[in-house]
Amino acid sequence: MKRLLTLIIFLSISMSTFAQYASASYIVLHEGMENDYLQLESVWQAYHKESIAMGHKTGWSIWKIAKNQDDSYEPGTYPDYLIMEQFSSKKQMDEEFNRYAEGYESMKTTMKKDLKGKYSNKQIEKILAKAPKKEVRTYIHELVAATPMTGGDIKVGDVMMVATMEQLRDDYEQFETEFYHDRFAENVMKGNHRFWGFSRIIDRNEAAYEAPTHNAWNMFIDGKELEMPDDFVSKKIFELTSEVRKMYTPQELTLVYTAQ
């Protein structure tokens, strides 16, 4: 009973630790413009730090995507980077998106102020004027379930694996929330895993693909292996999982910038 109460407390903390909504934008770059893109994001980082400090969002990060296209839901050009923006509520997210549409000049003022001494105003304008992005595919996620994250805040160089799912049956989410969630939480408690999260895609832009419906987000720990049950019921759930969702090849992401 004591272990069960500990698990309940541990899991309840997780729902207040992580953002409830996120914008995940997959970036395809023009050939030869990767350095321009990274410089562009380094300038935007100044705005996002200020935005987080003012309570306009809870997180922002840039992840480099490893080139693994086996069984990908991406039939077009494979993306180079992922931009993640996290929000505590849909209202907070909508308000920030309105700022992007209406407050660009104010954002530039913030960048110039915070980057004074590193870049001149003329240099910032020149960096922002470049257009390294060939295509942006944006998916809006709502958090469904998550474990706490161990090991402190994310830092440059951290690796995350993202598995994209396509729901095949209406009860798919129950498999993740009523079985896999607890299995990953137990592994986090044992020190075998750093983080597991499960999100539902609730909106997407015109460039995004229709196949993805959910994502599973994992941060592993080097030298550790997940422990999964091998009892009869668990084995049957493992077997049934492939009937309720299709999982595409996970993407390996490495953190490049963060404004946490």
C-alpha atoms as a PDB file:
ATOM      1  CA  MET A   1       0.000   0.000   0.000  1.00  0.00           C
ATOM      2  CA  LYS A   2       2.851   2.407   0.818  1.00  0.00           C
ATOM      3  CA  ARG A   3       4.396   1.803  -2.630  1.00  0.00           C
ATOM      4  CA  LEU A   4       1.029   2.416  -4.306  1.00  0.00           C
ATOM      5  CA  LEU A   5       0.520   5.695  -2.441  1.00  0.00           C
ATOM      6  CA  THR A   6       4.043   6.776  -3.415  1.00  0.00           C
ATOM      7  CA  LEU A   7       3.305   5.980  -7.058  1.00  0.00           C
ATOM      8  CA  ILE A   8       0.036   7.969  -6.970  1.00  0.00           C
ATOM      9  CA  ILE A   9       1.782  11.003  -5.468  1.00  0.00           C
ATOM     10  CA  PHE A  10       4.666  10.669  -7.916  1.00  0.00           C
ATOM     11  CA  LEU A  11       2.359  10.527 -10.928  1.00  0.00           C
ATOM     12  CA  SER A  12       0.163  13.404  -9.748  1.00  0.00           C
ATOM     13  CA  ILE A  13       3.209  15.659  -9.649  1.00  0.00           C
ATOM     14  CA  SER A  14       3.880  14.937 -13.319  1.00  0.00           C
ATOM     15  CA  MET A  15       0.633  16.486 -14.509  1.00  0.00           C
ATOM     16  CA  SER A  16       1.598  19.840 -13.004  1.00  0.00           C
ATOM     17  CA  THR A  17       5.232  19.645 -14.113  1.00  0.00           C
ATOM     18  CA  PHE A  18       4.711  19.537 -17.876  1.00  0.00           C
ATOM     19  CA  ALA A  19       2.929  21.843 -20.263  1.00  0.00           C
ATOM     20  CA  GLN A  20      -0.574  20.846 -21.331  1.00  0.00           C
ATOM     21  CA  TYR A  21      -0.250  22.110 -24.915  1.00  0.00           C
ATOM     22  CA  ALA A  22       2.622  22.258 -27.373  1.00  0.00           C
ATOM     23  CA  SER A  23       3.316  23.405 -30.902  1.00  0.00           C
ATOM     24  CA  ALA A  24       5.672  21.013 -32.719  1.00  0.00           C
ATOM     25  CA  SER A  25       6.987  22.495 -35.980  1.00  0.00           C
ATOM     26  CA  TYR A  26       9.071  20.285 -38.274  1.00  0.00           C
ATOM     27  CA  ILE A  27      11.440  22.398 -40.372  1.00  0.00           C
ATOM     28  CA  VAL A  28      12.712  21.515 -43.839  1.00  0.00           C
ATOM     29  CA  LEU A  29      15.655  23.753 -44.764  1.00  0.00           C
ATOM     30  CA  HIS A  30      16.817  25.059 -48.106  1.00  0.00           C
ATOM     31  CA  GLU A  31      20.007  23.316 -49.130  1.00  0.00           C
ATOM     32  CA  GLY A  32      23.140  24.930 -47.744  1.00  0.00           C
ATOM     33  CA  MET A  33      21.305  27.184 -45.260  1.00  0.00           C
ATOM     34  CA  GLU A  34      21.689  25.248 -42.014  1.00  0.00           C
ATOM     35  CA  ASN A  35      24.110  27.760 -40.481  1.00  0.00           C
ATOM     36  CA  ASP A  36      21.772  30.610 -41.430  1.00  0.00           C
ATOM     37  CA  TYR A  37      18.909  28.765 -39.751  1.00  0.00           C
ATOM     38  CA  LEU A  38      20.832  28.155 -36.527  1.00  0.00           C
ATOM     39  CA  GLN A  39      21.877  31.804 -36.399  1.00  0.00           C
ATOM     40  CA  LEU A  40      18.243  32.809 -36.941  1.00  0.00           C
ATOM     41  CA  GLU A  41      17.105  30.649 -34.022  1.00  0.00           C
ATOM     42  CA  SER A  42      19.908  31.971 -31.811  1.00  0.00           C
ATOM     43  CA  VAL A  43      18.427  35.461 -32.307  1.00  0.00           C
ATOM     44  CA  TRP A  44      14.854  34.283 -31.717  1.00  0.00           C
ATOM     45  CA  GLN A  45      16.039  32.557 -28.532  1.00  0.00           C
ATOM     46  CA  ALA A  46      16.344  35.992 -26.923  1.00  0.00           C
ATOM     47  CA  TYR A  47      12.650  36.657 -27.552  1.00  0.00           C
ATOM     48  CA  HIS A  48      11.569  33.246 -26.255  1.00  0.00           C
ATOM     49  CA  LYS A  49      13.537  33.676 -23.009  1.00  0.00           C
ATOM     50  CA  GLU A  50      11.732  36.980 -22.444  1.00  0.00           C
ATOM     51  CA  SER A  51       8.407  35.379 -23.389  1.00  0.00           C
ATOM     52  CA  ILE A  52       8.868  32.609 -20.810  1.00  0.00           C
ATOM     53  CA  ALA A  53       9.904  35.136 -18.145  1.00  0.00           C
ATOM     54  CA  MET A  54       6.715  37.117 -18.839  1.00  0.00           C
ATOM     55  CA  GLY A  55       4.517  34.015 -18.559  1.00  0.00           C
ATOM     56  CA  HIS A  56       3.574  33.867 -22.251  1.00  0.00           C
ATOM     57  CA  LYS A  57       4.779  30.252 -22.625  1.00  0.00           C
ATOM     58  CA  THR A  58       6.404  27.590 -20.460  1.00  0.00           C
ATOM     59  CA  GLY A  59       9.119  26.332 -22.798  1.00  0.00           C
ATOM     60  CA  TRP A  60      10.870  26.641 -26.159  1.00  0.00           C
ATOM     61  CA  SER A  61      13.498  24.395 -27.679  1.00  0.00           C
ATOM     62  CA  ILE A  62      15.146  23.473 -30.995  1.00  0.00           C
ATOM     63  CA  TRP A  63      16.006  19.840 -31.765  1.00  0.00           C
ATOM     64  CA  LYS A  64      18.116  18.474 -34.627  1.00  0.00           C
ATOM     65  CA  ILE A  65      16.479  15.464 -36.287  1.00  0.00           C
ATOM     66  CA  ALA A  66      18.627  12.464 -37.214  1.00  0.00           C
ATOM     67  CA  LYS A  67      18.142  11.253 -40.782  1.00  0.00           C
ATOM     68  CA  ASN A  68      16.241   8.000 -40.304  1.00  0.00           C
ATOM     69  CA  GLN A  69      13.492   7.685 -42.896  1.00  0.00           C
ATOM     70  CA  ASP A  70      12.632   3.980 -42.587  1.00  0.00           C
ATOM     71  CA  ASP A  71       8.852   3.512 -42.426  1.00  0.00           C
ATOM     72  CA  SER A  72       8.322   7.258 -42.073  1.00  0.00           C
ATOM     73  CA  TYR A  73       4.963   9.008 -42.203  1.00  0.00           C
ATOM     74  CA  GLU A  74       6.887  11.794 -43.993  1.00  0.00           C
ATOM     75  CA  PRO A  75       6.425  10.996 -47.729  1.00  0.00           C
ATOM     76  CA  GLY A  76       7.946  14.331 -48.744  1.00  0.00           C
ATOM     77  CA  THR A  77      11.284  15.915 -47.860  1.00  0.00           C
ATOM     78  CA  TYR A  78      12.462  14.670 -44.475  1.00  0.00           C
ATOM     79  CA  PRO A  79      12.672  17.470 -41.860  1.00  0.00           C
ATOM     80  CA  ASP A  80      15.940  18.813 -40.473  1.00  0.00           C
ATOM     81  CA  TYR A  81      14.842  20.384 -37.172  1.00  0.00           C
ATOM     82  CA  LEU A  82      11.960  20.429 -34.707  1.00  0.00           C
ATOM     83  CA  ILE A  83      10.803  23.576 -32.900  1.00  0.00           C
ATOM     84  CA  MET A  84       8.920  22.848 -29.673  1.00  0.00           C
ATOM     85  CA  GLU A  85       6.907  25.531 -27.879  1.00  0.00           C
ATOM     86  CA  GLN A  86       5.080  24.587 -24.680  1.00  0.00           C
ATOM     87  CA  PHE A  87       2.105  26.246 -23.033  1.00  0.00           C
ATOM     88  CA  SER A  88       0.194  25.804 -19.788  1.00  0.00           C
ATOM     89  CA  SER A  89      -3.209  26.300 -21.464  1.00  0.00           C
ATOM     90  CA  LYS A  90      -4.805  26.682 -24.875  1.00  0.00           C
ATOM     91  CA  LYS A  91      -5.594  30.304 -24.009  1.00  0.00           C
ATOM     92  CA  GLN A  92      -1.911  31.008 -23.361  1.00  0.00           C
ATOM     93  CA  MET A  93      -0.998  29.334 -26.651  1.00  0.00           C
ATOM     94  CA  ASP A  94      -3.601  31.249 -28.678  1.00  0.00           C
ATOM     95  CA  GLU A  95      -2.489  34.560 -27.178  1.00  0.00           C
ATOM     96  CA  GLU A  96       1.149  33.871 -28.099  1.00  0.00           C
ATOM     97  CA  PHE A  97       0.188  32.952 -31.655  1.00  0.00           C
ATOM     98  CA  ASN A  98      -1.682  36.273 -31.890  1.00  0.00           C
ATOM     99  CA  ARG A  99       1.508  38.048 -30.838  1.00  0.00           C
ATOM    100  CA  TYR A 100       3.365  36.365 -33.693  1.00  0.00           C
ATOM    101  CA  ALA A 101       0.753  37.666 -36.119  1.00  0.00           C
ATOM    102  CA  GLU A 102       0.474  41.200 -34.746  1.00  0.00           C
ATOM    103  CA  GLY A 103       3.549  42.004 -32.649  1.00  0.00           C
ATOM    104  CA  TYR A 104       6.606  41.230 -34.782  1.00  0.00           C
ATOM    105  CA  GLU A 105       8.110  44.716 -34.438  1.00  0.00           C
ATOM    106  CA  SER A 106       7.809  44.510 -30.665  1.00  0.00           C
ATOM    107  CA  MET A 107       9.507  41.102 -30.751  1.00  0.00           C
ATOM    108  CA  LYS A 108      12.398  42.541 -32.745  1.00  0.00           C
ATOM    109  CA  THR A 109      12.776  45.292 -30.158  1.00  0.00           C
ATOM    110  CA  THR A 110      13.118  42.630 -27.453  1.00  0.00           C
ATOM    111  CA  MET A 111      15.758  40.763 -29.470  1.00  0.00           C
ATOM    112  CA  LYS A 112      17.792  43.930 -30.089  1.00  0.00           C
ATOM    113  CA  LYS A 113      17.663  44.892 -26.432  1.00  0.00           C
ATOM    114  CA  ASP A 114      18.657  41.457 -25.116  1.00  0.00           C
ATOM    115  CA  LEU A 115      21.370  40.880 -27.735  1.00  0.00           C
ATOM    116  CA  LYS A 116      22.968  44.302 -27.396  1.00  0.00           C
ATOM    117  CA  GLY A 117      26.741  43.847 -27.374  1.00  0.00           C
ATOM    118  CA  LYS A 118      26.531  40.557 -29.257  1.00  0.00           C
ATOM    119  CA  TYR A 119      24.882  41.798 -32.461  1.00  0.00           C
ATOM    120  CA  SER A 120      24.284  45.274 -33.818  1.00  0.00           C
ATOM    121  CA  ASN A 121      20.724  46.219 -34.760  1.00  0.00           C
ATOM    122  CA  LYS A 122      21.763  46.088 -38.415  1.00  0.00           C
ATOM    123  CA  GLN A 123      23.125  42.557 -38.000  1.00  0.00           C
ATOM    124  CA  ILE A 124      19.915  41.391 -36.324  1.00  0.00           C
ATOM    125  CA  GLU A 125      17.807  42.826 -39.127  1.00  0.00           C
ATOM    126  CA  LYS A 126      20.032  41.061 -41.672  1.00  0.00           C
ATOM    127  CA  ILE A 127      19.754  37.712 -39.850  1.00  0.00           C
ATOM    128  CA  LEU A 128      15.967  37.993 -39.527  1.00  0.00           C
ATOM    129  CA  ALA A 129      15.624  38.884 -43.216  1.00  0.00           C
ATOM    130  CA  LYS A 130      17.047  35.539 -44.333  1.00  0.00           C
ATOM    131  CA  ALA A 131      14.620  32.751 -45.238  1.00  0.00           C
ATOM    132  CA  PRO A 132      16.321  29.375 -44.630  1.00  0.00           C
ATOM    133  CA  LYS A 133      13.054  27.473 -44.097  1.00  0.00           C
ATOM    134  CA  LYS A 134      11.766  25.657 -47.157  1.00  0.00           C
ATOM    135  CA  GLU A 135       8.732  24.143 -45.413  1.00  0.00           C
ATOM    136  CA  VAL A 136       7.199  24.158 -41.931  1.00  0.00           C
ATOM    137  CA  ARG A 137       4.875  21.354 -40.809  1.00  0.00           C
ATOM    138  CA  THR A 138       3.180  22.242 -37.537  1.00  0.00           C
ATOM    139  CA  TYR A 139       1.205  19.928 -35.250  1.00  0.00           C
ATOM    140  CA  ILE A 140      -0.601  21.154 -32.129  1.00  0.00           C
ATOM    141  CA  HIS A 141      -0.423  18.666 -29.266  1.00  0.00           C
ATOM    142  CA  GLU A 142      -2.472  18.233 -26.117  1.00  0.00           C
ATOM    143  CA  LEU A 143      -0.860  16.283 -23.287  1.00  0.00           C
ATOM    144  CA  VAL A 144      -2.737  13.089 -22.418  1.00  0.00           C
ATOM    145  CA  ALA A 145      -0.364  11.460 -19.910  1.00  0.00           C
ATOM    146  CA  ALA A 146       3.235  11.780 -18.727  1.00  0.00           C
ATOM    147  CA  THR A 147       5.719  10.680 -16.111  1.00  0.00           C
ATOM    148  CA  PRO A 148       7.876  13.184 -14.241  1.00  0.00           C
ATOM    149  CA  MET A 149      11.230  14.012 -15.834  1.00  0.00           C
ATOM    150  CA  THR A 150      14.277  13.022 -13.810  1.00  0.00           C
ATOM    151  CA  GLY A 151      17.815  14.340 -14.160  1.00  0.00           C
ATOM    152  CA  GLY A 152      16.928  18.030 -13.997  1.00  0.00           C
ATOM    153  CA  ASP A 153      15.959  20.368 -16.824  1.00  0.00           C
ATOM    154  CA  ILE A 154      16.753  19.526 -20.417  1.00  0.00           C
ATOM    155  CA  LYS A 155      20.145  20.756 -21.624  1.00  0.00           C
ATOM    156  CA  VAL A 156      21.940  21.113 -24.941  1.00  0.00           C
ATOM    157  CA  GLY A 157      23.038  17.684 -26.160  1.00  0.00           C
ATOM    158  CA  ASP A 158      20.142  15.775 -24.574  1.00  0.00           C
ATOM    159  CA  VAL A 159      18.572  13.151 -26.832  1.00  0.00           C
ATOM    160  CA  MET A 160      14.858  12.401 -27.109  1.00  0.00           C
ATOM    161  CA  MET A 161      13.111   9.710 -29.150  1.00  0.00           C
ATOM    162  CA  VAL A 162       9.724  10.592 -30.642  1.00  0.00           C
ATOM    163  CA  ALA A 163       7.441   7.822 -31.875  1.00  0.00           C
ATOM    164  CA  THR A 164       4.623   8.977 -34.131  1.00  0.00           C
ATOM    165  CA  MET A 165       1.398   6.978 -33.870  1.00  0.00           C
ATOM    166  CA  GLU A 166      -1.626   6.596 -36.111  1.00  0.00           C
ATOM    167  CA  GLN A 167      -4.743   5.592 -34.198  1.00  0.00           C
ATOM    168  CA  LEU A 168      -6.513   2.570 -35.682  1.00  0.00           C
ATOM    169  CA  ARG A 169      -9.195   1.988 -33.041  1.00  0.00           C
ATOM    170  CA  ASP A 170     -11.239   4.266 -30.789  1.00  0.00           C
ATOM    171  CA  ASP A 171      -9.898   2.747 -27.559  1.00  0.00           C
ATOM    172  CA  TYR A 172      -6.240   3.272 -28.456  1.00  0.00           C
ATOM    173  CA  GLU A 173      -5.614   5.986 -25.856  1.00  0.00           C
ATOM    174  CA  GLN A 174      -6.699   3.610 -23.079  1.00  0.00           C
ATOM    175  CA  PHE A 175      -3.812   1.288 -23.958  1.00  0.00           C
ATOM    176  CA  GLU A 176      -1.362   4.146 -23.408  1.00  0.00           C
ATOM    177  CA  THR A 177      -2.994   5.723 -20.349  1.00  0.00           C
ATOM    178  CA  GLU A 178      -4.130   2.593 -18.495  1.00  0.00           C
ATOM    179  CA  PHE A 179      -1.200   0.275 -19.231  1.00  0.00           C
ATOM    180  CA  TYR A 180       1.926   1.785 -20.808  1.00  0.00           C
ATOM    181  CA  HIS A 181       1.830   4.926 -18.659  1.00  0.00           C
ATOM    182  CA  ASP A 182       2.161   2.882 -15.472  1.00  0.00           C
ATOM    183  CA  ARG A 183       4.878   0.642 -16.925  1.00  0.00           C
ATOM    184  CA  PHE A 184       7.013   3.657 -17.889  1.00  0.00           C
ATOM    185  CA  ALA A 185       6.309   5.368 -14.548  1.00  0.00           C
ATOM    186  CA  GLU A 186       7.584   2.291 -12.721  1.00  0.00           C
ATOM    187  CA  ASN A 187      10.762   2.384 -14.808  1.00  0.00           C
ATOM    188  CA  VAL A 188      11.243   6.082 -14.056  1.00  0.00           C
ATOM    189  CA  MET A 189      10.896   5.338 -10.340  1.00  0.00           C
ATOM    190  CA  LYS A 190      13.479   2.552 -10.605  1.00  0.00           C
ATOM    191  CA  GLY A 191      15.940   4.840 -12.400  1.00  0.00           C
ATOM    192  CA  ASN A 192      15.712   2.931 -15.680  1.00  0.00           C
ATOM    193  CA  HIS A 193      14.112   5.741 -17.704  1.00  0.00           C
ATOM    194  CA  ARG A 194      14.193   9.531 -17.635  1.00  0.00           C
ATOM    195  CA  PHE A 195      10.866  10.532 -19.180  1.00  0.00           C
ATOM    196  CA  TRP A 196       7.816   9.260 -21.060  1.00  0.00           C
ATOM    197  CA  GLY A 197       5.003  11.419 -22.413  1.00  0.00           C
ATOM    198  CA  PHE A 198       1.960  10.774 -24.583  1.00  0.00           C
ATOM    199  CA  SER A 199       0.177  13.507 -26.555  1.00  0.00           C
ATOM    200  CA  ARG A 200      -2.798  13.821 -28.882  1.00  0.00           C
ATOM    201  CA  ILE A 201      -2.615  15.943 -32.055  1.00  0.00           C
ATOM    202  CA  ILE A 202      -5.577  18.332 -32.021  1.00  0.00           C
ATOM    203  CA  ASP A 203      -4.710  20.601 -34.967  1.00  0.00           C
ATOM    204  CA  ARG A 204      -2.170  20.983 -37.784  1.00  0.00           C
ATOM    205  CA  ASN A 205      -1.265  23.422 -40.541  1.00  0.00           C
ATOM    206  CA  GLU A 206      -1.869  22.801 -44.243  1.00  0.00           C
ATOM    207  CA  ALA A 207       1.677  21.528 -44.840  1.00  0.00           C
ATOM    208  CA  ALA A 208       1.398  18.863 -42.118  1.00  0.00           C
ATOM    209  CA  TYR A 209       0.553  15.263 -42.890  1.00  0.00           C
ATOM    210  CA  GLU A 210      -2.750  13.612 -41.958  1.00  0.00           C
ATOM    211  CA  ALA A 211      -1.428  10.228 -40.783  1.00  0.00           C
ATOM    212  CA  PRO A 212      -0.121  11.196 -37.302  1.00  0.00           C
ATOM    213  CA  THR A 213      -2.701  11.277 -34.510  1.00  0.00           C
ATOM    214  CA  HIS A 214      -0.520  10.868 -31.397  1.00  0.00           C
ATOM    215  CA  ASN A 215       3.105  11.008 -30.274  1.00  0.00           C
ATOM    216  CA  ALA A 216       5.041   9.148 -27.595  1.00  0.00           C
ATOM    217  CA  TRP A 217       8.051  11.069 -26.248  1.00  0.00           C
ATOM    218  CA  ASN A 218      10.889   9.182 -24.547  1.00  0.00           C
ATOM    219  CA  MET A 219      14.185  10.099 -22.906  1.00  0.00           C
ATOM    220  CA  PHE A 220      16.305   7.056 -22.150  1.00  0.00           C
ATOM    221  CA  ILE A 221      19.191   6.681 -19.705  1.00  0.00           C
ATOM    222  CA  ASP A 222      22.497   5.351 -21.033  1.00  0.00           C
ATOM    223  CA  GLY A 223      23.304   1.913 -19.660  1.00  0.00           C
ATOM    224  CA  LYS A 224      19.769   1.290 -18.432  1.00  0.00           C
ATOM    225  CA  GLU A 225      17.162  -1.046 -19.903  1.00  0.00           C
ATOM    226  CA  LEU A 226      13.401  -0.854 -19.560  1.00  0.00           C
ATOM    227  CA  GLU A 227      11.787  -3.570 -17.485  1.00  0.00           C
ATOM    228  CA  MET A 228       8.485  -4.771 -18.897  1.00  0.00           C
ATOM    229  CA  PRO A 229       6.180  -7.416 -17.360  1.00  0.00           C
ATOM    230  CA  ASP A 230       5.870 -10.845 -18.945  1.00  0.00           C
ATOM    231  CA  ASP A 231       2.682 -12.038 -17.265  1.00  0.00           C
ATOM    232  CA  PHE A 232      -0.169 -13.404 -19.383  1.00  0.00           C
ATOM    233  CA  VAL A 233      -2.319 -10.241 -19.356  1.00  0.00           C
ATOM    234  CA  SER A 234       0.598  -7.963 -20.200  1.00  0.00           C
ATOM    235  CA  LYS A 235       1.672 -10.198 -23.069  1.00  0.00           C
ATOM    236  CA  LYS A 236      -1.839 -10.053 -24.503  1.00  0.00           C
ATOM    237  CA  ILE A 237      -1.855  -6.244 -24.279  1.00  0.00           C
ATOM    238  CA  PHE A 238       1.495  -6.089 -26.076  1.00  0.00           C
ATOM    239  CA  GLU A 239       0.046  -8.293 -28.833  1.00  0.00           C
ATOM    240  CA  LEU A 240      -3.132  -6.219 -29.171  1.00  0.00           C
ATOM    241  CA  THR A 241      -1.319  -2.883 -29.314  1.00  0.00           C
ATOM    242  CA  SER A 242      -0.390  -3.299 -32.986  1.00  0.00           C
ATOM    243  CA  GLU A 243      -4.107  -3.646 -33.765  1.00  0.00           C
ATOM    244  CA  VAL A 244      -5.098  -0.333 -32.153  1.00  0.00           C
ATOM    245  CA  ARG A 245      -2.335   1.876 -33.538  1.00  0.00           C
ATOM    246  CA  LYS A 246       0.383   1.968 -36.173  1.00  0.00           C
ATOM    247  CA  MET A 247       3.759   3.169 -34.921  1.00  0.00           C
ATOM    248  CA  TYR A 248       6.157   4.734 -37.411  1.00  0.00           C
ATOM    249  CA  THR A 249       9.937   4.626 -37.033  1.00  0.00           C
ATOM    250  CA  PRO A 250      10.869   6.808 -34.034  1.00  0.00           C
ATOM    251  CA  GLN A 251      12.796  10.005 -34.720  1.00  0.00           C
ATOM    252  CA  GLU A 252      15.971  10.728 -32.775  1.00  0.00           C
ATOM    253  CA  LEU A 253      16.178  14.357 -31.652  1.00  0.00           C
ATOM    254  CA  THR A 254      19.198  16.151 -30.170  1.00  0.00           C
ATOM    255  CA  LEU A 255      18.697  19.407 -28.277  1.00  0.00           C
ATOM    256  CA  VAL A 256      20.438  22.390 -29.878  1.00  0.00           C
ATOM    257  CA  TYR A 257      18.853  25.434 -28.185  1.00  0.00           C
ATOM    258  CA  THR A 258      16.556  25.912 -25.220  1.00  0.00           C
ATOM    259  CA  ALA A 259      15.064  28.927 -23.484  1.00  0.00           C
ATOM    260  CA  GLN A 260      14.012  27.055 -20.339  1.00  0.00           C
END
